[in-house]
Amino acid sequence: MTPSRCAACIFTAVSLLPVAAQAADTAAGAAADYPNKQIRLIVPFPAGSGPDANARVLAAGLARTLGQQLIIDNRPGASGIIGTQLAARAAPDGYTLLVGTASVFAFVPNLFEKLPFDLERDFMPISQIELIPCALVVNPSLPVKTVADLVALAKSKPGQLTFGSPGNGTFHHLSAELFKSLTGTDMRHIPYGSGGPYGDLVGGQLPLMFDTLSPFLANVKAGKLRALALSGKQRRPQVPDVPTFIEAGVPAFDSYAWYGPFAPAGTPRPMIARLRAAIADTLKLPDVTEKLTDVSAGYVVGNTPEEFAAFIQTERAKWARVIKQVGVKLEL
């Protein structure tokens, strides 16, 4: 490089320093005053769904901690892709956040060849809120009372027992496929579509299903359904008589639903830190944690952005193996 070119490079770099400093000062100033208006929380699933219900509890608690209202914006469709795309394109100003779930951040990248966003490039994790166990639930007409009973029955009738889900590649479907691979059983999948299989499960037309406990809890307590096991290391107080999969002899069954807020990439780090701290304070409120775990039987987490990011990587790799084994591929 010639001396003249070197001098030009130095001049350019020096001349840009005030611009960079001004931008940093602007971001710091915005973060110091953050938040000073309501925050939009995009939920890429319908109103009344599990993610929506959890998001509303979180939003109400965070509103108390932050001193600003959080507005739920339901944008369902395409396995959560529609709402996630909307959040990816939002301004990175801290006033639009996404409720990211296992199905979007762990399943979707492995199910679809092309996506209108890059989950790693376009989003910044803030904190995981909850880890929710997966339940194996059967209709009482099925002559099984334990997981071992079910495995024995399934092996005696390969391909004859059926399990239902809302569709291919859903949490319900992939959890069942993980169970099948771990137990060496052959059961047939029935994808119901948006109507869901819950009515048929209670009515006895469908023998079994995998999902979080929330949709089943009332019927389990009423004796209309039987929960055989839950993922996790400890039994949950909501159903103390239901063993864990570890106790039931399938310790590697580690299927969980989970969720947490994400910000569009480029959101100032001080805002991310402010949100993470507010979430930590919110999850210390007894009424918030009680509402979050009462029906879901979940574990409250509240980790750091770095811990959440590492957890997502582990989950994505785990479900990639299951999806590859099953051979599920979806198209937009």
C-alpha atoms as a PDB file:
ATOM      1  CA  MET A   1       0.000   0.000   0.000  1.00  0.00           C
ATOM      2  CA  THR A   2       1.366   3.412  -0.923  1.00  0.00           C
ATOM      3  CA  PRO A   3       1.807   6.073   1.764  1.00  0.00           C
ATOM      4  CA  SER A   4      -0.942   8.147   0.166  1.00  0.00           C
ATOM      5  CA  ARG A   5      -3.403   5.255   0.222  1.00  0.00           C
ATOM      6  CA  CYS A   6      -2.466   4.408   3.812  1.00  0.00           C
ATOM      7  CA  ALA A   7      -3.069   8.005   4.844  1.00  0.00           C
ATOM      8  CA  ALA A   8      -6.429   7.963   3.047  1.00  0.00           C
ATOM      9  CA  CYS A   9      -7.489   4.806   4.912  1.00  0.00           C
ATOM     10  CA  ILE A  10      -6.490   6.322   8.242  1.00  0.00           C
ATOM     11  CA  PHE A  11      -8.360   9.536   7.414  1.00  0.00           C
ATOM     12  CA  THR A  12     -11.496   7.577   6.461  1.00  0.00           C
ATOM     13  CA  ALA A  13     -11.384   5.473   9.625  1.00  0.00           C
ATOM     14  CA  VAL A  14     -10.861   8.511  11.827  1.00  0.00           C
ATOM     15  CA  SER A  15     -13.609  10.453  10.084  1.00  0.00           C
ATOM     16  CA  LEU A  16     -16.064   7.651  10.763  1.00  0.00           C
ATOM     17  CA  LEU A  17     -15.353   7.557  14.484  1.00  0.00           C
ATOM     18  CA  PRO A  18     -17.708  10.436  15.357  1.00  0.00           C
ATOM     19  CA  VAL A  19     -20.497   8.756  13.357  1.00  0.00           C
ATOM     20  CA  ALA A  20     -20.003   5.451  15.172  1.00  0.00           C
ATOM     21  CA  ALA A  21     -19.819   7.214  18.523  1.00  0.00           C
ATOM     22  CA  GLN A  22     -23.002   9.144  17.777  1.00  0.00           C
ATOM     23  CA  ALA A  23     -24.811   5.930  16.809  1.00  0.00           C
ATOM     24  CA  ALA A  24     -23.629   4.250  20.009  1.00  0.00           C
ATOM     25  CA  ASP A  25     -24.754   7.240  22.078  1.00  0.00           C
ATOM     26  CA  THR A  26     -28.163   7.182  20.383  1.00  0.00           C
ATOM     27  CA  ALA A  27     -28.599   3.453  21.073  1.00  0.00           C
ATOM     28  CA  ALA A  28     -27.469   3.871  24.673  1.00  0.00           C
ATOM     29  CA  GLY A  29     -29.859   6.782  25.155  1.00  0.00           C
ATOM     30  CA  ALA A  30     -32.783   4.800  23.751  1.00  0.00           C
ATOM     31  CA  ALA A  31     -31.913   1.839  25.971  1.00  0.00           C
ATOM     32  CA  ALA A  32     -31.658   4.018  29.086  1.00  0.00           C
ATOM     33  CA  ASP A  33     -35.236   5.193  28.531  1.00  0.00           C
ATOM     34  CA  TYR A  34     -36.482   1.725  27.579  1.00  0.00           C
ATOM     35  CA  PRO A  35     -39.328   0.953  27.541  1.00  0.00           C
ATOM     36  CA  ASN A  36     -41.284   4.184  27.273  1.00  0.00           C
ATOM     37  CA  LYS A  37     -44.284   2.820  25.335  1.00  0.00           C
ATOM     38  CA  GLN A  38     -46.190  -0.423  24.915  1.00  0.00           C
ATOM     39  CA  ILE A  39     -44.454  -3.523  23.525  1.00  0.00           C
ATOM     40  CA  ARG A  40     -45.952  -5.800  20.895  1.00  0.00           C
ATOM     41  CA  LEU A  41     -45.553  -9.513  21.618  1.00  0.00           C
ATOM     42  CA  ILE A  42     -46.142 -11.569  18.460  1.00  0.00           C
ATOM     43  CA  VAL A  43     -47.502 -15.066  19.116  1.00  0.00           C
ATOM     44  CA  PRO A  44     -47.303 -17.136  15.900  1.00  0.00           C
ATOM     45  CA  PHE A  45     -50.191 -19.364  17.010  1.00  0.00           C
ATOM     46  CA  PRO A  46     -53.954 -18.874  17.474  1.00  0.00           C
ATOM     47  CA  ALA A  47     -55.637 -17.250  20.434  1.00  0.00           C
ATOM     48  CA  GLY A  48     -56.496 -19.918  22.973  1.00  0.00           C
ATOM     49  CA  SER A  49     -53.542 -22.140  22.080  1.00  0.00           C
ATOM     50  CA  GLY A  50     -50.959 -23.194  24.656  1.00  0.00           C
ATOM     51  CA  PRO A  51     -48.324 -20.664  23.511  1.00  0.00           C
ATOM     52  CA  ASP A  52     -50.958 -17.924  23.546  1.00  0.00           C
ATOM     53  CA  ALA A  53     -52.113 -18.743  27.081  1.00  0.00           C
ATOM     54  CA  ASN A  54     -48.540 -18.776  28.383  1.00  0.00           C
ATOM     55  CA  ALA A  55     -47.696 -15.552  26.547  1.00  0.00           C
ATOM     56  CA  ARG A  56     -50.629 -13.768  28.159  1.00  0.00           C
ATOM     57  CA  VAL A  57     -49.509 -14.761  31.646  1.00  0.00           C
ATOM     58  CA  LEU A  58     -45.966 -13.628  30.862  1.00  0.00           C
ATOM     59  CA  ALA A  59     -47.176 -10.365  29.311  1.00  0.00           C
ATOM     60  CA  ALA A  60     -49.281  -9.489  32.346  1.00  0.00           C
ATOM     61  CA  GLY A  61     -46.354 -10.142  34.690  1.00  0.00           C
ATOM     62  CA  LEU A  62     -43.834  -8.244  32.567  1.00  0.00           C
ATOM     63  CA  ALA A  63     -46.179  -5.279  32.342  1.00  0.00           C
ATOM     64  CA  ARG A  64     -45.999  -4.966  36.118  1.00  0.00           C
ATOM     65  CA  THR A  65     -42.210  -5.279  36.134  1.00  0.00           C
ATOM     66  CA  LEU A  66     -41.504  -2.962  33.187  1.00  0.00           C
ATOM     67  CA  GLY A  67     -44.249  -0.445  33.844  1.00  0.00           C
ATOM     68  CA  GLN A  68     -45.487  -0.678  30.256  1.00  0.00           C
ATOM     69  CA  GLN A  69     -48.264  -2.693  28.650  1.00  0.00           C
ATOM     70  CA  LEU A  70     -47.460  -5.698  26.456  1.00  0.00           C
ATOM     71  CA  ILE A  71     -49.964  -6.286  23.653  1.00  0.00           C
ATOM     72  CA  ILE A  72     -50.452  -9.825  22.341  1.00  0.00           C
ATOM     73  CA  ASP A  73     -50.559  -9.978  18.544  1.00  0.00           C
ATOM     74  CA  ASN A  74     -51.676 -13.438  17.350  1.00  0.00           C
ATOM     75  CA  ARG A  75     -50.386 -14.221  13.853  1.00  0.00           C
ATOM     76  CA  PRO A  76     -51.012 -17.944  13.294  1.00  0.00           C
ATOM     77  CA  GLY A  77     -50.419 -20.008  10.194  1.00  0.00           C
ATOM     78  CA  ALA A  78     -47.937 -22.260   8.375  1.00  0.00           C
ATOM     79  CA  SER A  79     -46.574 -23.990  11.486  1.00  0.00           C
ATOM     80  CA  GLY A  80     -45.785 -20.631  13.100  1.00  0.00           C
ATOM     81  CA  ILE A  81     -43.871 -19.365  10.081  1.00  0.00           C
ATOM     82  CA  ILE A  82     -46.206 -16.437   9.280  1.00  0.00           C
ATOM     83  CA  GLY A  83     -45.869 -14.771  12.668  1.00  0.00           C
ATOM     84  CA  THR A  84     -42.168 -15.531  12.883  1.00  0.00           C
ATOM     85  CA  GLN A  85     -41.551 -13.920   9.500  1.00  0.00           C
ATOM     86  CA  LEU A  86     -43.432 -10.821  10.611  1.00  0.00           C
ATOM     87  CA  ALA A  87     -41.250 -10.550  13.713  1.00  0.00           C
ATOM     88  CA  ALA A  88     -38.064 -11.069  11.689  1.00  0.00           C
ATOM     89  CA  ARG A  89     -38.943  -8.055   9.558  1.00  0.00           C
ATOM     90  CA  ALA A  90     -39.853  -5.816  12.497  1.00  0.00           C
ATOM     91  CA  ALA A  91     -37.728  -2.837  13.489  1.00  0.00           C
ATOM     92  CA  PRO A  92     -35.022  -3.849  16.007  1.00  0.00           C
ATOM     93  CA  ASP A  93     -36.075  -1.201  18.487  1.00  0.00           C
ATOM     94  CA  GLY A  94     -37.156  -3.393  21.407  1.00  0.00           C
ATOM     95  CA  TYR A  95     -40.867  -2.739  20.868  1.00  0.00           C
ATOM     96  CA  THR A  96     -41.664  -5.861  18.852  1.00  0.00           C
ATOM     97  CA  LEU A  97     -40.822  -9.254  20.328  1.00  0.00           C
ATOM     98  CA  LEU A  98     -41.624 -12.817  19.289  1.00  0.00           C
ATOM     99  CA  VAL A  99     -42.754 -15.704  21.467  1.00  0.00           C
ATOM    100  CA  GLY A 100     -40.525 -18.429  20.038  1.00  0.00           C
ATOM    101  CA  THR A 101     -41.386 -22.075  20.661  1.00  0.00           C
ATOM    102  CA  ALA A 102     -39.784 -25.490  20.269  1.00  0.00           C
ATOM    103  CA  SER A 103     -41.920 -26.186  17.225  1.00  0.00           C
ATOM    104  CA  VAL A 104     -40.596 -23.104  15.395  1.00  0.00           C
ATOM    105  CA  PHE A 105     -36.987 -22.915  16.588  1.00  0.00           C
ATOM    106  CA  ALA A 106     -36.213 -26.657  16.797  1.00  0.00           C
ATOM    107  CA  PHE A 107     -38.626 -28.359  14.372  1.00  0.00           C
ATOM    108  CA  VAL A 108     -39.275 -25.914  11.519  1.00  0.00           C
ATOM    109  CA  PRO A 109     -35.623 -25.548  10.359  1.00  0.00           C
ATOM    110  CA  ASN A 110     -35.475 -29.332   9.972  1.00  0.00           C
ATOM    111  CA  LEU A 111     -38.905 -29.767   8.364  1.00  0.00           C
ATOM    112  CA  PHE A 112     -38.792 -27.133   5.607  1.00  0.00           C
ATOM    113  CA  GLU A 113     -36.242 -26.859   2.819  1.00  0.00           C
ATOM    114  CA  LYS A 114     -36.632 -23.091   2.457  1.00  0.00           C
ATOM    115  CA  LEU A 115     -37.774 -20.505   4.973  1.00  0.00           C
ATOM    116  CA  PRO A 116     -38.376 -16.745   4.564  1.00  0.00           C
ATOM    117  CA  PHE A 117     -36.019 -16.073   7.490  1.00  0.00           C
ATOM    118  CA  ASP A 118     -32.882 -17.399   9.162  1.00  0.00           C
ATOM    119  CA  LEU A 119     -33.566 -18.113  12.818  1.00  0.00           C
ATOM    120  CA  GLU A 120     -29.947 -17.667  13.883  1.00  0.00           C
ATOM    121  CA  ARG A 121     -29.287 -14.580  11.781  1.00  0.00           C
ATOM    122  CA  ASP A 122     -32.612 -12.792  12.283  1.00  0.00           C
ATOM    123  CA  PHE A 123     -33.317 -13.253  16.000  1.00  0.00           C
ATOM    124  CA  MET A 124     -31.723 -12.638  19.375  1.00  0.00           C
ATOM    125  CA  PRO A 125     -32.849 -14.945  22.228  1.00  0.00           C
ATOM    126  CA  ILE A 126     -33.697 -13.199  25.476  1.00  0.00           C
ATOM    127  CA  SER A 127     -34.623 -15.866  28.028  1.00  0.00           C
ATOM    128  CA  GLN A 128     -36.303 -19.252  28.118  1.00  0.00           C
ATOM    129  CA  ILE A 129     -39.451 -19.014  30.223  1.00  0.00           C
ATOM    130  CA  GLU A 130     -40.566 -22.575  30.737  1.00  0.00           C
ATOM    131  CA  LEU A 131     -39.734 -26.215  29.984  1.00  0.00           C
ATOM    132  CA  ILE A 132     -42.962 -28.187  29.659  1.00  0.00           C
ATOM    133  CA  PRO A 133     -43.031 -31.997  29.955  1.00  0.00           C
ATOM    134  CA  CYS A 134     -44.576 -34.210  27.316  1.00  0.00           C
ATOM    135  CA  ALA A 135     -47.294 -36.580  28.503  1.00  0.00           C
ATOM    136  CA  LEU A 136     -48.282 -39.983  27.143  1.00  0.00           C
ATOM    137  CA  VAL A 137     -52.045 -40.248  27.568  1.00  0.00           C
ATOM    138  CA  VAL A 138     -54.365 -43.128  26.709  1.00  0.00           C
ATOM    139  CA  ASN A 139     -58.088 -43.709  26.694  1.00  0.00           C
ATOM    140  CA  PRO A 140     -59.032 -45.950  29.641  1.00  0.00           C
ATOM    141  CA  SER A 141     -60.569 -48.447  27.210  1.00  0.00           C
ATOM    142  CA  LEU A 142     -57.036 -49.372  26.141  1.00  0.00           C
ATOM    143  CA  PRO A 143     -56.007 -52.295  28.394  1.00  0.00           C
ATOM    144  CA  VAL A 144     -52.781 -50.735  29.682  1.00  0.00           C
ATOM    145  CA  LYS A 145     -51.916 -49.053  32.962  1.00  0.00           C
ATOM    146  CA  THR A 146     -48.195 -48.519  32.537  1.00  0.00           C
ATOM    147  CA  VAL A 147     -45.729 -47.630  29.794  1.00  0.00           C
ATOM    148  CA  ALA A 148     -44.421 -51.202  29.961  1.00  0.00           C
ATOM    149  CA  ASP A 149     -47.961 -52.458  29.333  1.00  0.00           C
ATOM    150  CA  LEU A 150     -48.275 -50.214  26.282  1.00  0.00           C
ATOM    151  CA  VAL A 151     -44.920 -51.284  24.864  1.00  0.00           C
ATOM    152  CA  ALA A 152     -45.847 -54.946  25.302  1.00  0.00           C
ATOM    153  CA  LEU A 153     -49.235 -54.410  23.645  1.00  0.00           C
ATOM    154  CA  ALA A 154     -47.734 -52.462  20.743  1.00  0.00           C
ATOM    155  CA  LYS A 155     -45.116 -55.160  20.147  1.00  0.00           C
ATOM    156  CA  SER A 156     -47.802 -57.848  20.150  1.00  0.00           C
ATOM    157  CA  LYS A 157     -49.783 -55.917  17.514  1.00  0.00           C
ATOM    158  CA  PRO A 158     -47.203 -54.214  15.252  1.00  0.00           C
ATOM    159  CA  GLY A 159     -48.724 -51.440  13.180  1.00  0.00           C
ATOM    160  CA  GLN A 160     -52.198 -51.871  14.665  1.00  0.00           C
ATOM    161  CA  LEU A 161     -52.185 -49.352  17.509  1.00  0.00           C
ATOM    162  CA  THR A 162     -52.750 -45.774  16.364  1.00  0.00           C
ATOM    163  CA  PHE A 163     -51.785 -42.404  17.816  1.00  0.00           C
ATOM    164  CA  GLY A 164     -53.120 -39.014  16.760  1.00  0.00           C
ATOM    165  CA  SER A 165     -51.727 -35.550  16.238  1.00  0.00           C
ATOM    166  CA  PRO A 166     -52.816 -32.230  14.706  1.00  0.00           C
ATOM    167  CA  GLY A 167     -50.502 -32.927  11.748  1.00  0.00           C
ATOM    168  CA  ASN A 168     -47.205 -34.198  10.390  1.00  0.00           C
ATOM    169  CA  GLY A 169     -44.124 -32.710  12.014  1.00  0.00           C
ATOM    170  CA  THR A 170     -45.966 -31.406  15.082  1.00  0.00           C
ATOM    171  CA  PHE A 171     -44.724 -31.769  18.648  1.00  0.00           C
ATOM    172  CA  HIS A 172     -47.296 -34.522  19.188  1.00  0.00           C
ATOM    173  CA  HIS A 173     -46.209 -36.476  16.109  1.00  0.00           C
ATOM    174  CA  LEU A 174     -42.464 -36.194  16.639  1.00  0.00           C
ATOM    175  CA  SER A 175     -42.725 -37.022  20.346  1.00  0.00           C
ATOM    176  CA  ALA A 176     -44.491 -40.259  19.413  1.00  0.00           C
ATOM    177  CA  GLU A 177     -41.850 -41.036  16.807  1.00  0.00           C
ATOM    178  CA  LEU A 178     -39.115 -40.513  19.406  1.00  0.00           C
ATOM    179  CA  PHE A 179     -40.949 -42.894  21.753  1.00  0.00           C
ATOM    180  CA  LYS A 180     -41.290 -45.500  19.000  1.00  0.00           C
ATOM    181  CA  SER A 181     -37.582 -45.380  18.185  1.00  0.00           C
ATOM    182  CA  LEU A 182     -36.589 -45.713  21.846  1.00  0.00           C
ATOM    183  CA  THR A 183     -38.955 -48.613  22.576  1.00  0.00           C
ATOM    184  CA  GLY A 184     -38.752 -50.464  19.270  1.00  0.00           C
ATOM    185  CA  THR A 185     -42.509 -50.273  18.755  1.00  0.00           C
ATOM    186  CA  ASP A 186     -44.497 -49.858  15.559  1.00  0.00           C
ATOM    187  CA  MET A 187     -47.599 -47.666  15.890  1.00  0.00           C
ATOM    188  CA  ARG A 188     -49.506 -45.905  13.132  1.00  0.00           C
ATOM    189  CA  HIS A 189     -49.786 -42.128  12.945  1.00  0.00           C
ATOM    190  CA  ILE A 190     -53.122 -40.433  12.204  1.00  0.00           C
ATOM    191  CA  PRO A 191     -52.691 -36.711  11.381  1.00  0.00           C
ATOM    192  CA  TYR A 192     -56.014 -35.039  12.135  1.00  0.00           C
ATOM    193  CA  GLY A 193     -55.359 -31.543  10.842  1.00  0.00           C
ATOM    194  CA  SER A 194     -56.525 -28.360  12.504  1.00  0.00           C
ATOM    195  CA  GLY A 195     -59.526 -30.017  14.182  1.00  0.00           C
ATOM    196  CA  GLY A 196     -57.214 -32.018  16.401  1.00  0.00           C
ATOM    197  CA  PRO A 197     -57.593 -35.519  17.830  1.00  0.00           C
ATOM    198  CA  TYR A 198     -58.632 -34.607  21.368  1.00  0.00           C
ATOM    199  CA  GLY A 199     -62.330 -35.369  20.959  1.00  0.00           C
ATOM    200  CA  ASP A 200     -61.618 -38.798  19.510  1.00  0.00           C
ATOM    201  CA  LEU A 201     -59.154 -39.539  22.302  1.00  0.00           C
ATOM    202  CA  VAL A 202     -61.740 -38.794  24.993  1.00  0.00           C
ATOM    203  CA  GLY A 203     -64.437 -40.594  22.994  1.00  0.00           C
ATOM    204  CA  GLY A 204     -62.364 -43.742  22.641  1.00  0.00           C
ATOM    205  CA  GLN A 205     -62.020 -43.682  18.840  1.00  0.00           C
ATOM    206  CA  LEU A 206     -58.312 -42.926  19.295  1.00  0.00           C
ATOM    207  CA  PRO A 207     -56.350 -45.014  21.814  1.00  0.00           C
ATOM    208  CA  LEU A 208     -53.393 -42.772  22.647  1.00  0.00           C
ATOM    209  CA  MET A 209     -51.644 -39.465  22.127  1.00  0.00           C
ATOM    210  CA  PHE A 210     -48.566 -37.454  23.115  1.00  0.00           C
ATOM    211  CA  ASP A 211     -48.785 -33.778  24.088  1.00  0.00           C
ATOM    212  CA  THR A 212     -48.173 -31.437  26.993  1.00  0.00           C
ATOM    213  CA  LEU A 213     -50.444 -32.048  29.955  1.00  0.00           C
ATOM    214  CA  SER A 214     -52.550 -28.888  29.516  1.00  0.00           C
ATOM    215  CA  PRO A 215     -55.196 -30.227  27.070  1.00  0.00           C
ATOM    216  CA  PHE A 216     -55.593 -33.428  29.092  1.00  0.00           C
ATOM    217  CA  LEU A 217     -55.428 -32.352  32.715  1.00  0.00           C
ATOM    218  CA  ALA A 218     -59.155 -31.924  33.442  1.00  0.00           C
ATOM    219  CA  ASN A 219     -60.029 -35.249  31.796  1.00  0.00           C
ATOM    220  CA  VAL A 220     -57.147 -37.037  33.539  1.00  0.00           C
ATOM    221  CA  LYS A 221     -58.343 -35.770  36.915  1.00  0.00           C
ATOM    222  CA  ALA A 222     -61.924 -36.785  36.011  1.00  0.00           C
ATOM    223  CA  GLY A 223     -60.811 -40.298  35.071  1.00  0.00           C
ATOM    224  CA  LYS A 224     -61.812 -39.905  31.420  1.00  0.00           C
ATOM    225  CA  LEU A 225     -58.180 -40.251  30.320  1.00  0.00           C
ATOM    226  CA  ARG A 226     -55.164 -42.008  31.815  1.00  0.00           C
ATOM    227  CA  ALA A 227     -51.713 -40.414  31.862  1.00  0.00           C
ATOM    228  CA  LEU A 228     -49.024 -43.105  31.765  1.00  0.00           C
ATOM    229  CA  ALA A 229     -45.909 -40.939  32.095  1.00  0.00           C
ATOM    230  CA  LEU A 230     -44.412 -37.450  31.867  1.00  0.00           C
ATOM    231  CA  SER A 231     -40.957 -36.403  30.685  1.00  0.00           C
ATOM    232  CA  GLY A 232     -38.732 -34.794  33.283  1.00  0.00           C
ATOM    233  CA  LYS A 233     -36.639 -35.756  36.286  1.00  0.00           C
ATOM    234  CA  GLN A 234     -39.328 -35.363  38.944  1.00  0.00           C
ATOM    235  CA  ARG A 235     -43.014 -36.105  39.221  1.00  0.00           C
ATOM    236  CA  ARG A 236     -45.128 -33.003  38.945  1.00  0.00           C
ATOM    237  CA  PRO A 237     -47.361 -31.804  41.806  1.00  0.00           C
ATOM    238  CA  GLN A 238     -50.350 -31.403  39.464  1.00  0.00           C
ATOM    239  CA  VAL A 239     -50.385 -35.194  38.862  1.00  0.00           C
ATOM    240  CA  PRO A 240     -48.315 -36.754  41.662  1.00  0.00           C
ATOM    241  CA  ASP A 241     -49.410 -40.297  40.797  1.00  0.00           C
ATOM    242  CA  VAL A 242     -48.081 -40.077  37.222  1.00  0.00           C
ATOM    243  CA  PRO A 243     -44.523 -41.444  36.946  1.00  0.00           C
ATOM    244  CA  THR A 244     -41.742 -39.944  34.876  1.00  0.00           C
ATOM    245  CA  PHE A 245     -40.509 -41.745  31.767  1.00  0.00           C
ATOM    246  CA  ILE A 246     -37.326 -42.389  33.750  1.00  0.00           C
ATOM    247  CA  GLU A 247     -39.340 -44.311  36.326  1.00  0.00           C
ATOM    248  CA  ALA A 248     -41.319 -45.977  33.546  1.00  0.00           C
ATOM    249  CA  GLY A 249     -38.200 -47.441  31.966  1.00  0.00           C
ATOM    250  CA  VAL A 250     -37.664 -45.059  29.017  1.00  0.00           C
ATOM    251  CA  PRO A 251     -35.103 -42.620  30.489  1.00  0.00           C
ATOM    252  CA  ALA A 252     -33.963 -41.273  27.108  1.00  0.00           C
ATOM    253  CA  PHE A 253     -37.416 -39.891  26.270  1.00  0.00           C
ATOM    254  CA  ASP A 254     -36.592 -36.183  26.630  1.00  0.00           C
ATOM    255  CA  SER A 255     -39.364 -34.496  24.678  1.00  0.00           C
ATOM    256  CA  TYR A 256     -40.395 -31.073  25.972  1.00  0.00           C
ATOM    257  CA  ALA A 257     -42.311 -28.072  24.761  1.00  0.00           C
ATOM    258  CA  TRP A 258     -40.598 -24.786  25.586  1.00  0.00           C
ATOM    259  CA  TYR A 259     -40.833 -21.129  24.751  1.00  0.00           C
ATOM    260  CA  GLY A 260     -39.310 -17.741  25.360  1.00  0.00           C
ATOM    261  CA  PRO A 261     -39.207 -14.220  23.902  1.00  0.00           C
ATOM    262  CA  PHE A 262     -36.898 -13.264  21.030  1.00  0.00           C
ATOM    263  CA  ALA A 263     -36.014  -9.847  19.622  1.00  0.00           C
ATOM    264  CA  PRO A 264     -35.246  -9.008  15.994  1.00  0.00           C
ATOM    265  CA  ALA A 265     -31.514  -9.076  15.259  1.00  0.00           C
ATOM    266  CA  GLY A 266     -29.889  -5.700  15.783  1.00  0.00           C
ATOM    267  CA  THR A 267     -31.882  -4.816  18.880  1.00  0.00           C
ATOM    268  CA  PRO A 268     -29.478  -2.900  21.176  1.00  0.00           C
ATOM    269  CA  ARG A 269     -27.803  -5.159  23.720  1.00  0.00           C
ATOM    270  CA  PRO A 270     -28.766  -2.925  26.671  1.00  0.00           C
ATOM    271  CA  MET A 271     -32.429  -3.469  25.744  1.00  0.00           C
ATOM    272  CA  ILE A 272     -31.898  -7.237  25.667  1.00  0.00           C
ATOM    273  CA  ALA A 273     -30.256  -7.018  29.086  1.00  0.00           C
ATOM    274  CA  ARG A 274     -33.135  -4.907  30.412  1.00  0.00           C
ATOM    275  CA  LEU A 275     -35.694  -7.420  29.164  1.00  0.00           C
ATOM    276  CA  ARG A 276     -33.776 -10.371  30.544  1.00  0.00           C
ATOM    277  CA  ALA A 277     -33.525  -8.716  33.972  1.00  0.00           C
ATOM    278  CA  ALA A 278     -37.237  -7.884  33.903  1.00  0.00           C
ATOM    279  CA  ILE A 279     -38.068 -11.501  33.041  1.00  0.00           C
ATOM    280  CA  ALA A 280     -35.917 -12.729  35.941  1.00  0.00           C
ATOM    281  CA  ASP A 281     -37.797 -10.397  38.312  1.00  0.00           C
ATOM    282  CA  THR A 282     -41.165 -11.395  36.832  1.00  0.00           C
ATOM    283  CA  LEU A 283     -40.476 -15.089  37.303  1.00  0.00           C
ATOM    284  CA  LYS A 284     -39.894 -14.438  41.000  1.00  0.00           C
ATOM    285  CA  LEU A 285     -43.528 -13.331  41.368  1.00  0.00           C
ATOM    286  CA  PRO A 286     -45.402 -16.255  42.972  1.00  0.00           C
ATOM    287  CA  ASP A 287     -48.679 -15.596  41.172  1.00  0.00           C
ATOM    288  CA  VAL A 288     -46.942 -15.575  37.777  1.00  0.00           C
ATOM    289  CA  THR A 289     -45.063 -18.838  38.304  1.00  0.00           C
ATOM    290  CA  GLU A 290     -48.190 -20.444  39.745  1.00  0.00           C
ATOM    291  CA  LYS A 291     -50.246 -19.513  36.697  1.00  0.00           C
ATOM    292  CA  LEU A 292     -47.524 -20.643  34.289  1.00  0.00           C
ATOM    293  CA  THR A 293     -47.073 -24.065  35.888  1.00  0.00           C
ATOM    294  CA  ASP A 294     -50.527 -24.805  37.282  1.00  0.00           C
ATOM    295  CA  VAL A 295     -51.932 -26.428  34.142  1.00  0.00           C
ATOM    296  CA  SER A 296     -48.789 -27.128  32.115  1.00  0.00           C
ATOM    297  CA  ALA A 297     -46.909 -28.845  34.987  1.00  0.00           C
ATOM    298  CA  GLY A 298     -43.836 -27.110  33.576  1.00  0.00           C
ATOM    299  CA  TYR A 299     -40.501 -26.037  35.000  1.00  0.00           C
ATOM    300  CA  VAL A 300     -39.846 -22.274  35.160  1.00  0.00           C
ATOM    301  CA  VAL A 301     -36.388 -21.511  33.712  1.00  0.00           C
ATOM    302  CA  GLY A 302     -35.459 -17.818  33.268  1.00  0.00           C
ATOM    303  CA  ASN A 303     -31.934 -18.355  31.894  1.00  0.00           C
ATOM    304  CA  THR A 304     -29.554 -15.969  30.111  1.00  0.00           C
ATOM    305  CA  PRO A 305     -29.583 -15.258  26.354  1.00  0.00           C
ATOM    306  CA  GLU A 306     -26.371 -17.269  25.976  1.00  0.00           C
ATOM    307  CA  GLU A 307     -27.775 -20.249  27.873  1.00  0.00           C
ATOM    308  CA  PHE A 308     -30.998 -20.085  25.884  1.00  0.00           C
ATOM    309  CA  ALA A 309     -29.071 -19.999  22.585  1.00  0.00           C
ATOM    310  CA  ALA A 310     -27.011 -23.055  23.572  1.00  0.00           C
ATOM    311  CA  PHE A 311     -30.147 -24.931  24.613  1.00  0.00           C
ATOM    312  CA  ILE A 312     -31.779 -24.197  21.251  1.00  0.00           C
ATOM    313  CA  GLN A 313     -28.780 -25.589  19.383  1.00  0.00           C
ATOM    314  CA  THR A 314     -28.979 -28.825  21.371  1.00  0.00           C
ATOM    315  CA  GLU A 315     -32.720 -29.141  20.781  1.00  0.00           C
ATOM    316  CA  ARG A 316     -32.429 -28.440  17.054  1.00  0.00           C
ATOM    317  CA  ALA A 317     -29.782 -31.136  16.651  1.00  0.00           C
ATOM    318  CA  LYS A 318     -31.809 -33.665  18.645  1.00  0.00           C
ATOM    319  CA  TRP A 319     -34.971 -33.203  16.619  1.00  0.00           C
ATOM    320  CA  ALA A 320     -33.011 -33.140  13.364  1.00  0.00           C
ATOM    321  CA  ARG A 321     -32.077 -36.768  14.043  1.00  0.00           C
ATOM    322  CA  VAL A 322     -35.685 -37.752  14.741  1.00  0.00           C
ATOM    323  CA  ILE A 323     -37.020 -35.938  11.675  1.00  0.00           C
ATOM    324  CA  LYS A 324     -34.369 -37.489   9.441  1.00  0.00           C
ATOM    325  CA  GLN A 325     -35.196 -40.945  10.755  1.00  0.00           C
ATOM    326  CA  VAL A 326     -38.911 -40.472  10.147  1.00  0.00           C
ATOM    327  CA  GLY A 327     -38.343 -38.808   6.769  1.00  0.00           C
ATOM    328  CA  VAL A 328     -40.807 -35.963   7.307  1.00  0.00           C
ATOM    329  CA  LYS A 329     -40.532 -32.995   4.937  1.00  0.00           C
ATOM    330  CA  LEU A 330     -43.037 -30.153   4.639  1.00  0.00           C
ATOM    331  CA  GLU A 331     -43.581 -27.405   2.086  1.00  0.00           C
ATOM    332  CA  LEU A 332     -44.906 -23.871   2.471  1.00  0.00           C
END
